[in-house]
N, C-alpha and C. Protein backbone atom coordinates (compact mmCIF):
# COMPACT_ATOMS: atom_id res chain seq x y z
N MET A 1 -3.03 21.68 -13.64
CA MET A 1 -2.77 20.30 -14.01
C MET A 1 -2.39 19.46 -12.79
N SER A 2 -1.76 20.10 -11.81
CA SER A 2 -1.32 19.34 -10.64
C SER A 2 -2.49 18.77 -9.85
N GLY A 3 -3.68 19.36 -9.99
CA GLY A 3 -4.85 18.84 -9.30
C GLY A 3 -5.26 17.48 -9.83
N ASN A 4 -4.90 17.18 -11.07
CA ASN A 4 -5.26 15.91 -11.69
C ASN A 4 -4.17 14.85 -11.50
N TYR A 5 -3.03 15.24 -10.95
CA TYR A 5 -1.93 14.30 -10.80
C TYR A 5 -2.28 13.24 -9.78
N LYS A 6 -1.99 12.01 -10.13
CA LYS A 6 -2.20 10.89 -9.22
C LYS A 6 -0.91 10.10 -9.15
N ASP A 7 -0.46 9.82 -7.96
CA ASP A 7 0.77 9.04 -7.76
C ASP A 7 0.64 7.71 -8.50
N PRO A 8 1.60 7.38 -9.36
CA PRO A 8 1.53 6.12 -10.10
C PRO A 8 1.40 4.90 -9.19
N ARG A 9 1.99 4.98 -8.01
CA ARG A 9 1.87 3.86 -7.07
C ARG A 9 0.43 3.71 -6.60
N GLN A 10 -0.27 4.83 -6.45
CA GLN A 10 -1.67 4.78 -6.03
C GLN A 10 -2.52 4.15 -7.13
N VAL A 11 -2.24 4.50 -8.37
CA VAL A 11 -2.95 3.90 -9.51
C VAL A 11 -2.69 2.40 -9.55
N ALA A 12 -1.43 2.01 -9.39
CA ALA A 12 -1.07 0.59 -9.38
C ALA A 12 -1.77 -0.13 -8.24
N LEU A 13 -1.83 0.50 -7.08
CA LEU A 13 -2.49 -0.09 -5.92
C LEU A 13 -3.97 -0.35 -6.22
N GLU A 14 -4.63 0.62 -6.83
CA GLU A 14 -6.05 0.45 -7.18
C GLU A 14 -6.23 -0.71 -8.17
N LEU A 15 -5.35 -0.80 -9.16
CA LEU A 15 -5.45 -1.88 -10.14
C LEU A 15 -5.20 -3.25 -9.51
N VAL A 16 -4.23 -3.31 -8.61
CA VAL A 16 -3.93 -4.57 -7.93
C VAL A 16 -5.13 -5.01 -7.09
N LYS A 17 -5.75 -4.07 -6.38
CA LYS A 17 -6.93 -4.40 -5.57
C LYS A 17 -8.06 -4.93 -6.45
N LYS A 18 -8.31 -4.24 -7.57
CA LYS A 18 -9.39 -4.67 -8.47
C LYS A 18 -9.10 -6.05 -9.05
N ALA A 19 -7.86 -6.27 -9.47
CA ALA A 19 -7.50 -7.57 -10.05
C ALA A 19 -7.63 -8.67 -9.01
N SER A 20 -7.18 -8.40 -7.81
CA SER A 20 -7.26 -9.39 -6.74
C SER A 20 -8.71 -9.75 -6.44
N ASP A 21 -9.56 -8.74 -6.33
CA ASP A 21 -10.98 -9.00 -6.08
C ASP A 21 -11.62 -9.79 -7.21
N GLN A 22 -11.32 -9.40 -8.44
CA GLN A 22 -11.90 -10.07 -9.60
C GLN A 22 -11.48 -11.54 -9.65
N ILE A 23 -10.20 -11.79 -9.44
CA ILE A 23 -9.69 -13.17 -9.48
C ILE A 23 -10.28 -13.98 -8.33
N ARG A 24 -10.32 -13.39 -7.16
CA ARG A 24 -10.81 -14.09 -5.97
C ARG A 24 -12.26 -14.54 -6.13
N TYR A 25 -13.08 -13.71 -6.74
CA TYR A 25 -14.51 -14.01 -6.81
C TYR A 25 -14.94 -14.75 -8.07
N THR A 26 -14.02 -14.98 -9.00
CA THR A 26 -14.42 -15.68 -10.23
C THR A 26 -13.82 -17.07 -10.34
N ASN A 27 -12.82 -17.38 -9.54
CA ASN A 27 -12.16 -18.68 -9.63
C ASN A 27 -11.98 -19.26 -8.23
N ASP A 28 -11.81 -20.57 -8.19
CA ASP A 28 -11.63 -21.23 -6.89
C ASP A 28 -10.71 -22.44 -7.06
N ASP A 29 -9.45 -22.16 -7.38
CA ASP A 29 -8.49 -23.24 -7.51
C ASP A 29 -7.15 -22.81 -6.91
N GLU A 30 -6.19 -23.71 -6.92
CA GLU A 30 -4.90 -23.45 -6.29
C GLU A 30 -4.17 -22.27 -6.95
N PHE A 31 -4.23 -22.20 -8.28
CA PHE A 31 -3.59 -21.10 -8.99
C PHE A 31 -4.18 -19.77 -8.54
N THR A 32 -5.49 -19.73 -8.38
CA THR A 32 -6.16 -18.51 -7.95
C THR A 32 -5.63 -18.07 -6.59
N PHE A 33 -5.53 -18.99 -5.66
CA PHE A 33 -5.05 -18.64 -4.33
C PHE A 33 -3.62 -18.11 -4.38
N GLU A 34 -2.77 -18.74 -5.19
CA GLU A 34 -1.39 -18.27 -5.32
C GLU A 34 -1.35 -16.88 -5.93
N MET A 35 -2.16 -16.65 -6.96
CA MET A 35 -2.20 -15.36 -7.63
C MET A 35 -2.69 -14.27 -6.68
N VAL A 36 -3.75 -14.55 -5.95
CA VAL A 36 -4.29 -13.57 -5.01
C VAL A 36 -3.27 -13.28 -3.91
N ASN A 37 -2.57 -14.29 -3.43
CA ASN A 37 -1.55 -14.07 -2.41
C ASN A 37 -0.45 -13.15 -2.92
N LYS A 38 0.00 -13.36 -4.16
CA LYS A 38 1.04 -12.49 -4.74
C LYS A 38 0.52 -11.07 -4.91
N LEU A 39 -0.71 -10.93 -5.39
CA LEU A 39 -1.29 -9.60 -5.55
C LEU A 39 -1.41 -8.89 -4.20
N GLU A 40 -1.76 -9.62 -3.17
CA GLU A 40 -1.85 -9.02 -1.84
C GLU A 40 -0.47 -8.60 -1.33
N GLU A 41 0.57 -9.36 -1.66
CA GLU A 41 1.94 -8.96 -1.30
C GLU A 41 2.30 -7.65 -1.99
N ILE A 42 1.97 -7.55 -3.28
CA ILE A 42 2.25 -6.32 -4.03
C ILE A 42 1.46 -5.16 -3.42
N GLU A 43 0.21 -5.41 -3.09
CA GLU A 43 -0.64 -4.38 -2.47
C GLU A 43 -0.01 -3.88 -1.17
N ASP A 44 0.45 -4.80 -0.33
CA ASP A 44 1.09 -4.41 0.93
C ASP A 44 2.36 -3.60 0.70
N MET A 45 3.17 -4.01 -0.27
CA MET A 45 4.40 -3.27 -0.57
C MET A 45 4.09 -1.86 -1.04
N LEU A 46 3.10 -1.72 -1.92
CA LEU A 46 2.72 -0.40 -2.42
C LEU A 46 2.19 0.48 -1.28
N LYS A 47 1.34 -0.08 -0.43
CA LYS A 47 0.80 0.69 0.69
C LYS A 47 1.92 1.17 1.61
N LYS A 48 2.86 0.28 1.93
CA LYS A 48 3.97 0.65 2.81
C LYS A 48 4.82 1.76 2.19
N ASP A 49 5.08 1.65 0.90
CA ASP A 49 5.89 2.65 0.21
C ASP A 49 5.19 4.00 0.19
N ILE A 50 3.90 3.99 -0.10
CA ILE A 50 3.12 5.24 -0.13
C ILE A 50 3.06 5.84 1.27
N ASP A 51 2.78 5.02 2.28
CA ASP A 51 2.69 5.51 3.65
C ASP A 51 4.03 6.07 4.13
N LYS A 52 5.13 5.42 3.74
CA LYS A 52 6.46 5.88 4.13
C LYS A 52 6.71 7.27 3.56
N ASP A 53 6.37 7.48 2.29
CA ASP A 53 6.56 8.79 1.67
C ASP A 53 5.68 9.85 2.32
N LYS A 54 4.45 9.49 2.69
CA LYS A 54 3.57 10.45 3.36
C LYS A 54 4.15 10.85 4.71
N LEU A 55 4.71 9.89 5.44
CA LEU A 55 5.31 10.18 6.73
C LEU A 55 6.52 11.09 6.57
N VAL A 56 7.37 10.81 5.59
CA VAL A 56 8.54 11.64 5.34
C VAL A 56 8.11 13.05 4.97
N GLU A 57 7.05 13.16 4.17
CA GLU A 57 6.55 14.48 3.76
C GLU A 57 6.04 15.26 4.97
N ARG A 58 5.31 14.59 5.86
CA ARG A 58 4.79 15.26 7.06
C ARG A 58 5.92 15.72 7.97
N VAL A 59 6.93 14.87 8.12
CA VAL A 59 8.07 15.22 8.98
C VAL A 59 8.83 16.40 8.40
N SER A 60 8.99 16.43 7.09
CA SER A 60 9.75 17.52 6.47
C SER A 60 8.96 18.83 6.51
N LEU A 61 7.64 18.76 6.58
CA LEU A 61 6.83 19.97 6.67
C LEU A 61 6.77 20.51 8.09
N ALA A 62 7.05 19.65 9.07
CA ALA A 62 6.96 20.06 10.48
C ALA A 62 8.13 20.89 10.91
């Protein structure tokens, strides 16, 4: 079962990317730009958190 496990943050990151792309390419107004900017902020936070955990894991294995 562990082979099928996916980090919830990774799933959230994928959803945020898809939502951001969908919104960006279907609308062209001020609300869209604000929404995409917020989604990109969330994407960056998730990436940093995931990368931080990967680094900690590598250091602890060394």
